[in-house]
Protein backbone atom coordinates (compact mmCIF):
# COMPACT_ATOMS: atom_id res chain seq x y z
CA ASP A 1 104.04 50.63 -85.74
CA ALA A 2 101.13 48.85 -87.50
CA GLU A 3 101.96 45.92 -85.35
CA GLN A 4 101.76 47.89 -82.34
CA ALA A 5 98.55 49.52 -83.55
CA MET A 6 97.17 46.13 -83.99
CA GLN A 7 98.27 44.95 -80.51
CA GLY A 8 96.69 48.12 -79.02
CA TRP A 9 93.40 47.38 -80.97
CA GLN A 10 93.51 43.74 -79.81
CA GLN A 11 93.93 44.86 -76.27
CA GLU A 12 91.06 47.31 -76.41
CA TRP A 13 88.81 44.68 -78.15
CA ASP A 14 89.74 42.00 -75.50
CA ALA A 15 88.90 44.78 -72.84
CA PHE A 16 85.67 45.40 -74.41
CA ASN A 17 84.72 41.80 -74.68
CA GLY A 18 85.79 41.42 -70.99
CA ARG A 19 83.57 44.38 -70.03
CA LEU A 20 80.65 43.04 -72.25
CA ALA A 21 81.09 39.66 -70.65
CA GLU A 22 80.96 41.18 -67.21
CA ARG A 23 77.93 43.01 -68.01
CA SER A 24 76.25 39.95 -69.67
CA GLN A 25 77.10 37.94 -66.50
CA SER A 26 75.63 40.71 -64.24
CA ALA A 27 72.62 40.77 -66.37
CA GLN A 28 72.25 36.98 -66.17
CA VAL A 29 72.81 37.08 -62.44
CA GLU A 30 70.01 39.95 -62.15
CA ARG A 31 67.71 37.85 -64.31
CA THR A 32 68.21 34.74 -62.29
CA ARG A 33 67.58 36.88 -59.04
CA LEU A 34 64.52 38.30 -60.55
CA ASP A 35 63.36 34.79 -61.75
CA HIS A 36 63.91 33.41 -58.29
CA LEU A 37 62.20 36.53 -56.69
CA ASP A 38 59.19 36.00 -59.10
CA ARG A 39 59.04 32.33 -58.18
CA HIS A 40 59.27 33.18 -54.49
CA LEU A 41 56.51 35.90 -54.83
CA GLN A 42 54.32 33.30 -56.76
CA GLN A 43 54.88 30.75 -54.02
CA LEU A 44 53.86 33.44 -51.42
CA ASP A 45 50.80 34.05 -53.50
CA ASP A 46 49.96 30.40 -53.69
CA ARG A 47 50.47 29.88 -50.17
CA LEU A 48 48.38 33.15 -49.29
CA GLN A 49 45.61 31.67 -51.53
CA ARG A 50 45.82 28.45 -49.80
CA MET A 51 45.66 30.11 -46.35
CA ASP A 52 42.59 32.17 -47.54
CA GLN A 53 40.96 29.01 -48.73
CA GLU A 54 41.74 27.31 -45.41
CA GLN A 55 40.39 30.12 -43.42
CA GLN A 56 37.15 29.91 -45.42
CA THR A 57 37.11 26.20 -44.80
CA LEU A 58 37.77 26.72 -40.97
CA GLY A 59 34.64 28.71 -40.46
CA SER A 60 33.46 27.81 -36.99
CA GLN A 61 29.82 28.92 -37.19
CA SER A 62 28.48 25.58 -38.26
CA THR A 63 30.48 23.80 -35.56
CA GLU A 64 29.35 26.36 -32.90
CA ASP A 65 25.85 25.83 -33.82
CA ASP A 66 26.32 22.04 -33.53
CA VAL A 67 27.71 22.70 -30.19
CA GLN A 68 24.88 24.81 -28.98
CA GLN A 69 22.32 22.28 -30.37
CA LEU A 70 23.91 19.40 -28.74
CA ALA A 71 24.32 21.23 -25.33
CA GLN A 72 20.63 22.00 -25.64
CA GLN A 73 19.74 18.37 -26.39
CA VAL A 74 21.95 17.30 -23.39
CA GLU A 75 20.06 19.67 -21.12
CA GLU A 76 16.76 18.58 -22.40
CA GLN A 77 17.69 14.74 -21.98
CA GLU A 78 19.04 15.34 -18.56
CA ALA A 79 15.94 17.02 -17.52
CA ALA A 80 14.06 13.97 -18.93
CA VAL A 81 16.29 11.67 -16.99
CA THR A 82 15.62 13.66 -13.77
CA GLY A 83 11.96 13.56 -14.48
CA VAL A 84 11.91 9.61 -14.90
CA GLN A 85 14.10 9.28 -11.86
CA VAL A 86 11.61 11.29 -9.79
CA LYS A 87 8.84 9.02 -10.97
CA LEU A 88 11.02 5.93 -10.29
CA ASP A 89 11.81 7.20 -6.69
CA ALA A 90 8.05 7.74 -6.12
CA VAL A 91 6.92 4.26 -7.26
CA MET A 92 9.68 2.79 -5.33
CA ARG A 93 8.51 4.51 -2.20
CA ARG A 94 5.01 3.39 -2.98
CA ILE A 95 6.20 -0.22 -3.29
CA ILE A 96 7.87 -0.10 0.07
CA ASP A 97 4.75 1.39 1.56
CA ILE A 98 2.61 -1.28 -0.05
CA ARG A 99 5.02 -4.02 1.05
CA SER A 100 5.00 -2.58 4.70
CA GLY A 101 1.19 -2.28 4.75
CA ARG A 102 0.87 -5.71 3.43
CA GLU A 103 3.24 -7.22 5.97
CA GLN A 104 1.34 -5.33 8.82
CA HIS A 105 -1.95 -6.68 7.38
CA GLU A 106 -0.51 -10.30 7.19
CA GLN A 107 0.56 -9.99 10.93
CA GLU A 108 -2.74 -8.68 11.81
CA LEU A 109 -4.55 -11.28 9.90
CA ALA A 110 -2.61 -14.19 11.51
CA ALA A 111 -2.94 -12.62 14.98
CA LEU A 112 -6.87 -12.13 14.41
CA GLN A 113 -7.22 -15.75 12.95
CA THR A 114 -5.68 -17.12 16.14
CA VAL A 115 -7.98 -15.06 18.20
CA HIS A 116 -10.83 -16.04 16.08
CA ASN A 117 -10.08 -19.72 16.19
CA ASP A 118 -9.75 -19.59 20.05
CA ALA A 119 -13.03 -17.84 20.21
CA ARG A 120 -14.71 -20.45 17.89
CA GLY A 121 -13.28 -23.14 19.82
CA LYS A 122 -14.60 -21.60 23.10
CA LEU A 123 -17.93 -20.84 21.39
CA VAL A 124 -18.23 -24.53 20.25
CA SER A 125 -17.49 -25.64 23.83
CA LEU A 126 -20.09 -23.33 25.40
CA GLU A 127 -22.66 -24.24 22.76
CA THR A 128 -22.13 -27.92 23.61
CA LEU A 129 -22.53 -27.32 27.44
CA GLN A 130 -25.56 -25.15 26.60
CA ARG A 131 -27.34 -27.80 24.45
CA ALA A 132 -26.62 -30.43 27.17
CA ALA A 133 -28.10 -28.14 29.91
CA LEU A 134 -31.16 -27.26 27.79
CA GLY A 135 -31.89 -30.85 26.84
CA GLN A 136 -30.87 -30.44 23.32
CA ARG A 137 -28.92 -33.59 23.06
CA SER A 138 -31.53 -35.98 23.69
CA GLU A 139 -32.23 -38.03 20.60
CA GLN A 140 -35.86 -38.81 21.49
CA MET A 141 -36.50 -35.17 22.22
CA SER A 142 -34.74 -34.05 19.09
CA SER A 143 -36.82 -36.63 17.03
CA TRP A 144 -40.05 -35.35 18.60
CA LEU A 145 -39.09 -31.71 17.93
CA LYS A 146 -38.37 -32.54 14.27
CA SER A 147 -41.52 -34.38 13.79
CA SER A 148 -43.61 -31.43 15.46
CA GLY A 149 -41.80 -28.85 13.36
CA LEU A 150 -40.19 -27.38 16.56
CA GLN A 151 -36.54 -28.21 15.82
CA GLY A 152 -35.75 -24.64 15.01
CA ALA A 153 -37.62 -23.05 17.92
CA PRO A 154 -35.49 -21.18 20.54
CA ARG A 155 -35.37 -22.03 24.15
CA LEU A 156 -36.45 -19.53 26.79
CA ALA A 157 -33.07 -19.30 28.15
CA GLN A 158 -31.70 -18.20 24.60
CA GLU A 159 -34.35 -15.42 24.47
CA ILE A 160 -34.03 -13.60 27.79
CA GLN A 161 -31.48 -11.18 29.24
CA VAL A 162 -30.92 -10.83 33.04
CA GLN A 163 -29.40 -8.00 34.93
CA PRO A 164 -25.82 -9.03 35.72
CA GLY A 165 -25.45 -10.56 39.26
CA TRP A 166 -29.04 -11.88 39.23
CA GLU A 167 -28.65 -14.85 36.96
CA HIS A 168 -28.67 -17.47 39.75
CA ALA A 169 -31.77 -16.05 41.24
CA VAL A 170 -33.61 -16.30 37.91
CA GLU A 171 -32.32 -19.83 37.07
CA THR A 172 -33.55 -20.98 40.53
CA ALA A 173 -36.96 -19.39 39.96
CA LEU A 174 -37.46 -20.68 36.37
CA GLY A 175 -35.76 -23.98 36.88
CA PHE A 176 -36.79 -26.50 34.31
CA TYR A 177 -38.64 -23.68 32.28
CA LEU A 178 -35.20 -22.27 31.19
CA GLU A 179 -35.39 -24.96 28.41
CA ALA A 180 -38.89 -24.34 27.81
CA ILE A 181 -39.50 -24.21 23.84
CA CYS A 182 -40.83 -20.82 22.81
CA VAL A 183 -43.88 -21.56 20.46
CA ASP A 184 -46.57 -19.46 18.88
CA GLY A 185 -49.49 -20.95 20.89
CA VAL A 186 -49.50 -23.95 23.10
CA ASP A 187 -52.39 -25.77 21.64
CA ALA A 188 -50.84 -26.84 18.21
CA ALA A 189 -47.83 -28.23 19.99
CA ALA A 190 -49.86 -29.89 22.67
CA HIS A 191 -51.51 -31.99 20.16
CA GLN A 192 -48.31 -33.40 19.26
CA LEU A 193 -47.40 -34.68 22.68
CA GLY A 194 -48.65 -38.08 21.97
CA GLY A 195 -45.50 -38.68 19.99
CA LEU A 196 -43.37 -38.01 23.02
CA GLU A 197 -42.66 -41.43 24.43
CA GLN A 198 -39.67 -40.41 26.63
CA GLY A 199 -38.35 -37.43 28.05
CA ALA A 200 -39.66 -34.04 29.40
CA VAL A 201 -40.64 -30.94 27.67
CA ALA A 202 -41.79 -27.40 28.56
CA LEU A 203 -43.52 -25.10 26.22
CA PHE A 204 -43.70 -21.18 26.58
CA ASP A 205 -46.45 -19.59 24.79
CA THR A 206 -45.12 -16.32 23.24
CA HIS A 207 -48.54 -15.10 22.38
CA ALA A 208 -50.13 -15.48 25.84
CA GLY A 209 -51.43 -12.33 27.31
CA ALA A 210 -49.92 -10.74 30.29
CA THR A 211 -51.47 -11.72 33.62
CA ALA A 212 -52.40 -9.31 36.12
CA ALA A 213 -49.42 -7.69 37.40
CA ILE A 214 -48.62 -7.82 41.30
CA ALA A 215 -47.72 -4.31 42.66
CA ALA A 216 -44.24 -4.05 43.73
CA ASP A 217 -45.04 -2.71 47.09
CA LYS A 218 -43.06 -4.88 49.22
CA ALA A 219 -39.86 -4.90 47.08
CA GLU A 220 -38.71 -5.00 43.43
CA LEU A 221 -40.14 -7.90 41.34
CA LEU A 222 -37.77 -10.46 39.98
CA SER A 223 -39.36 -9.98 36.60
CA ALA A 224 -37.98 -6.38 36.53
CA LYS A 225 -34.45 -7.94 36.40
CA VAL A 226 -35.39 -9.73 33.15
CA THR A 227 -35.49 -8.31 29.77
CA SER A 228 -37.56 -10.38 27.36
CA PRO A 229 -39.58 -10.06 24.04
CA TRP A 230 -42.60 -11.44 25.97
CA PRO A 231 -44.21 -10.83 29.35
CA MET A 232 -42.77 -13.02 31.99
CA GLU A 233 -45.35 -12.66 34.85
CA ALA A 234 -46.74 -16.03 34.24
CA LEU A 235 -43.40 -17.61 35.34
CA LEU A 236 -42.01 -14.81 37.64
CA GLY A 237 -45.23 -13.25 38.79
CA GLY A 238 -45.35 -12.67 42.66
CA ILE A 239 -41.59 -13.19 43.19
CA TYR A 240 -39.75 -10.30 44.90
CA ALA A 241 -35.98 -9.87 44.53
CA VAL A 242 -33.89 -8.68 47.53
CA GLU A 243 -30.14 -8.60 48.10
CA SER A 244 -29.83 -10.97 51.16
CA LEU A 245 -31.28 -13.60 53.39
CA HIS A 246 -31.70 -11.06 56.08
CA ASP A 247 -33.93 -9.00 53.74
CA ALA A 248 -35.95 -11.98 52.60
CA LEU A 249 -36.59 -13.21 56.13
CA ALA A 250 -37.72 -9.68 57.08
CA LEU A 251 -40.20 -9.74 54.24
CA ARG A 252 -41.44 -13.20 54.71
CA ALA A 253 -44.09 -12.34 57.26
CA SER A 254 -45.92 -10.04 54.90
CA LEU A 255 -45.92 -12.56 51.96
CA GLU A 256 -49.20 -13.81 50.67
CA ALA A 257 -49.81 -17.40 49.56
CA ARG A 258 -48.86 -16.89 46.04
CA GLU A 259 -45.94 -14.71 46.74
CA SER A 260 -42.25 -15.53 47.53
CA VAL A 261 -39.06 -13.56 47.65
CA ILE A 262 -35.62 -14.79 46.34
CA THR A 263 -32.09 -13.39 47.04
CA ARG A 264 -29.41 -12.55 44.60
CA ASP A 265 -27.56 -15.74 45.57
CA GLY A 266 -30.70 -17.88 44.90
CA ILE A 267 -32.07 -18.56 48.30
CA TRP A 268 -35.93 -18.63 47.64
CA VAL A 269 -38.41 -18.05 50.61
CA GLY A 270 -42.15 -18.35 50.79
CA SER A 271 -44.38 -17.45 53.54
CA SER A 272 -44.19 -20.94 54.85
CA TRP A 273 -41.18 -22.63 53.04
CA LEU A 274 -37.52 -21.92 52.16
CA ARG A 275 -35.54 -23.50 49.30
CA VAL A 276 -31.85 -23.51 48.61
CA ALA A 277 -29.75 -25.66 46.19
CA ARG A 278 -25.97 -25.81 46.65
CA ASP A 279 -25.27 -28.86 44.77
CA SER A 280 -24.06 -29.02 41.11
CA ASP A 281 -26.85 -28.53 38.53
CA GLU A 282 -26.35 -28.67 34.79
CA LYS A 283 -28.70 -25.76 34.54
CA ALA A 284 -26.59 -23.48 36.88
CA GLY A 285 -24.89 -20.79 34.81
CA VAL A 286 -27.26 -21.34 31.85
CA LEU A 287 -28.14 -17.58 31.65
CA GLU A 288 -24.68 -16.34 32.13
CA ARG A 289 -23.45 -18.87 29.68
CA GLU A 290 -26.08 -17.80 27.10
CA ARG A 291 -25.02 -14.27 27.63
CA GLU A 292 -21.53 -15.36 27.04
CA ILE A 293 -22.36 -17.23 23.94
CA THR A 294 -24.33 -14.21 22.66
CA GLU A 295 -21.57 -11.97 23.31
CA LEU A 296 -18.86 -14.53 21.95
CA THR A 297 -20.86 -15.07 18.87
CA ALA A 298 -21.22 -11.39 18.06
CA ARG A 299 -17.51 -10.94 18.84
CA SER A 300 -16.63 -14.04 16.53
CA GLU A 301 -18.85 -12.50 13.71
CA ALA A 302 -17.08 -9.28 14.05
CA GLN A 303 -13.70 -11.05 13.79
CA ALA A 304 -14.83 -12.95 10.79
CA ALA A 305 -15.84 -9.68 9.21
CA SER A 306 -12.57 -8.08 10.10
CA ILE A 307 -10.55 -11.25 8.87
CA GLU A 308 -12.44 -10.89 5.56
CA THR A 309 -11.86 -7.14 5.33
CA LEU A 310 -8.10 -7.88 5.92
CA ARG A 311 -8.11 -10.58 3.12
CA GLN A 312 -9.54 -8.08 0.80
CA SER A 313 -7.03 -5.45 1.82
CA LEU A 314 -4.31 -7.99 1.15
CA ALA A 315 -5.81 -9.02 -2.04
CA THR A 316 -5.98 -5.26 -3.08
CA ALA A 317 -2.39 -4.80 -1.88
CA ARG A 318 -1.12 -7.74 -3.90
CA GLU A 319 -2.68 -6.14 -7.04
CA ALA A 320 -1.46 -2.83 -6.26
CA LEU A 321 2.13 -4.32 -5.67
CA VAL A 322 2.04 -6.00 -8.98
CA ALA A 323 0.91 -2.98 -10.74
CA ALA A 324 3.48 -0.88 -8.94
CA GLU A 325 6.48 -3.32 -9.69
CA ALA A 326 5.23 -3.38 -13.33
CA GLU A 327 5.30 0.48 -13.37
CA ARG A 328 8.77 0.31 -11.73
CA ASN A 329 10.09 -2.06 -14.38
CA GLN A 330 8.81 0.13 -17.30
CA LEU A 331 10.13 3.39 -15.75
CA GLN A 332 13.52 1.53 -15.09
CA ASP A 333 13.68 0.66 -18.66
CA GLU A 334 12.79 4.35 -19.64
CA TYR A 335 15.43 5.61 -17.20
CA ASN A 336 18.17 3.20 -18.70
CA GLN A 337 17.20 4.33 -22.14
CA ALA A 338 17.23 7.99 -21.35
CA HIS A 339 20.59 7.59 -19.44
CA ARG A 340 22.11 6.00 -22.51
CA GLN A 341 20.80 8.79 -24.72
CA VAL A 342 22.29 11.43 -22.43
CA SER A 343 25.58 9.65 -22.29
CA ASP A 344 25.70 9.50 -26.20
CA LEU A 345 24.80 13.12 -26.50
CA ARG A 346 27.39 14.01 -24.02
CA ALA A 347 30.06 12.26 -25.90
CA SER A 348 28.82 13.78 -29.17
CA LEU A 349 29.03 17.25 -27.50
CA ALA A 350 32.55 16.64 -26.07
CA ALA A 351 33.77 15.53 -29.52
CA SER A 352 32.22 18.59 -31.17
CA GLN A 353 33.68 20.89 -28.52
CA ALA A 354 37.10 19.47 -28.99
CA ARG A 355 36.65 19.86 -32.92
CA LEU A 356 35.62 23.43 -32.49
CA GLU A 357 38.61 24.18 -30.29
CA GLN A 358 40.90 22.45 -32.83
CA GLN A 359 39.31 24.72 -35.52
CA ARG A 360 39.71 27.85 -33.48
CA SER A 361 43.36 26.90 -32.82
CA ARG A 362 44.10 26.26 -36.45
CA ARG A 363 42.31 29.38 -37.62
CA GLU A 364 44.48 31.41 -35.26
CA HIS A 365 47.57 29.81 -36.66
CA VAL A 366 46.52 30.27 -40.17
CA MET A 367 45.88 33.97 -39.51
CA MET A 368 49.29 34.44 -38.03
CA GLU A 369 50.94 32.68 -40.80
CA THR A 370 48.89 34.66 -43.54
CA GLU A 371 50.16 37.97 -41.81
CA VAL A 372 53.70 36.67 -42.00
CA LEU A 373 53.43 35.83 -45.58
CA ARG A 374 51.95 39.09 -46.47
CA THR A 375 54.72 40.94 -44.68
CA GLU A 376 57.30 38.74 -46.50
CA LYS A 377 55.56 39.48 -49.80
CA ALA A 378 55.50 43.20 -49.28
CA SER A 379 59.20 43.22 -48.28
CA GLY A 380 60.01 41.13 -51.44
CA ALA A 381 58.10 43.42 -53.73
CA GLU A 382 60.10 46.43 -52.58
């Protein structure tokens, strides 16, 4: 019986130890589970803390300010580029206009110089013929005029103007007096005639008073066809002017001894005489040539003035072109620099925008992950 009692106690003891071991093992498992849970919750807290810190780090306000500032700088720099471009376009158009104007002036100058040279050549030829017609090529005469102080005195043909169409009539009437030297008083020059050993000379006193005028009761006087600084009655007095030989012959019977009549084409008729010259005469055309010389001289001087004006315009255009090209080069440098700056700013803006977009995307991801962690933490705490 005692042995049975011992066996029963031993069995009970073993059962107790078994239950105790089971309970100890369960407690150990629970402690392990609780430790794991605590560690997990701690990990969740650590991750949440890191998420919070990252959210603070991902604050985008500074980046957004940078993007706005860069966008404003890009806009301002683009406006500056546009402003420089407008100035550059304007100076380029001005350069084109200056070059076009210069080319036009150069063409005008070349054409005008050609015309001027032709006019000068013709003028030289006419002056040579005129000097020969007026006896200004004679060496003996030139020497006497120089010694008499008359080398610069004008010839009568150079000082009078004749109504167009009546040149031949006036040339016929004046004859040798066309080359008369206009002097301020004949007496002084007359005392120098002893030095004239060869040649012929005529003097016209510009200070001589007007002679008694003949009434133009028969026809118009030839002197009325002449414009002169001095009275011409001494040389042309008593000479009437008519259109045709028929008119001259009709008037001849009424002419007095010192009167005559001359036609437009140079037929000269007196009361008892008639004169006509059809052969070549070096003095023929002197008056018309002198008028042509005067007109050609005036035209040549006007051309010379125009040439000088064009040369000055070209010089001004060259200076303006140099200045405009210098301005263009400066503006081109400014444009290139401004364009580089706007390109750099655009690149910075694009980088900042990309960085801001990355920050926004990461912040959204962190917020979602934080929400998941908090939900997981709440579930674990229960």
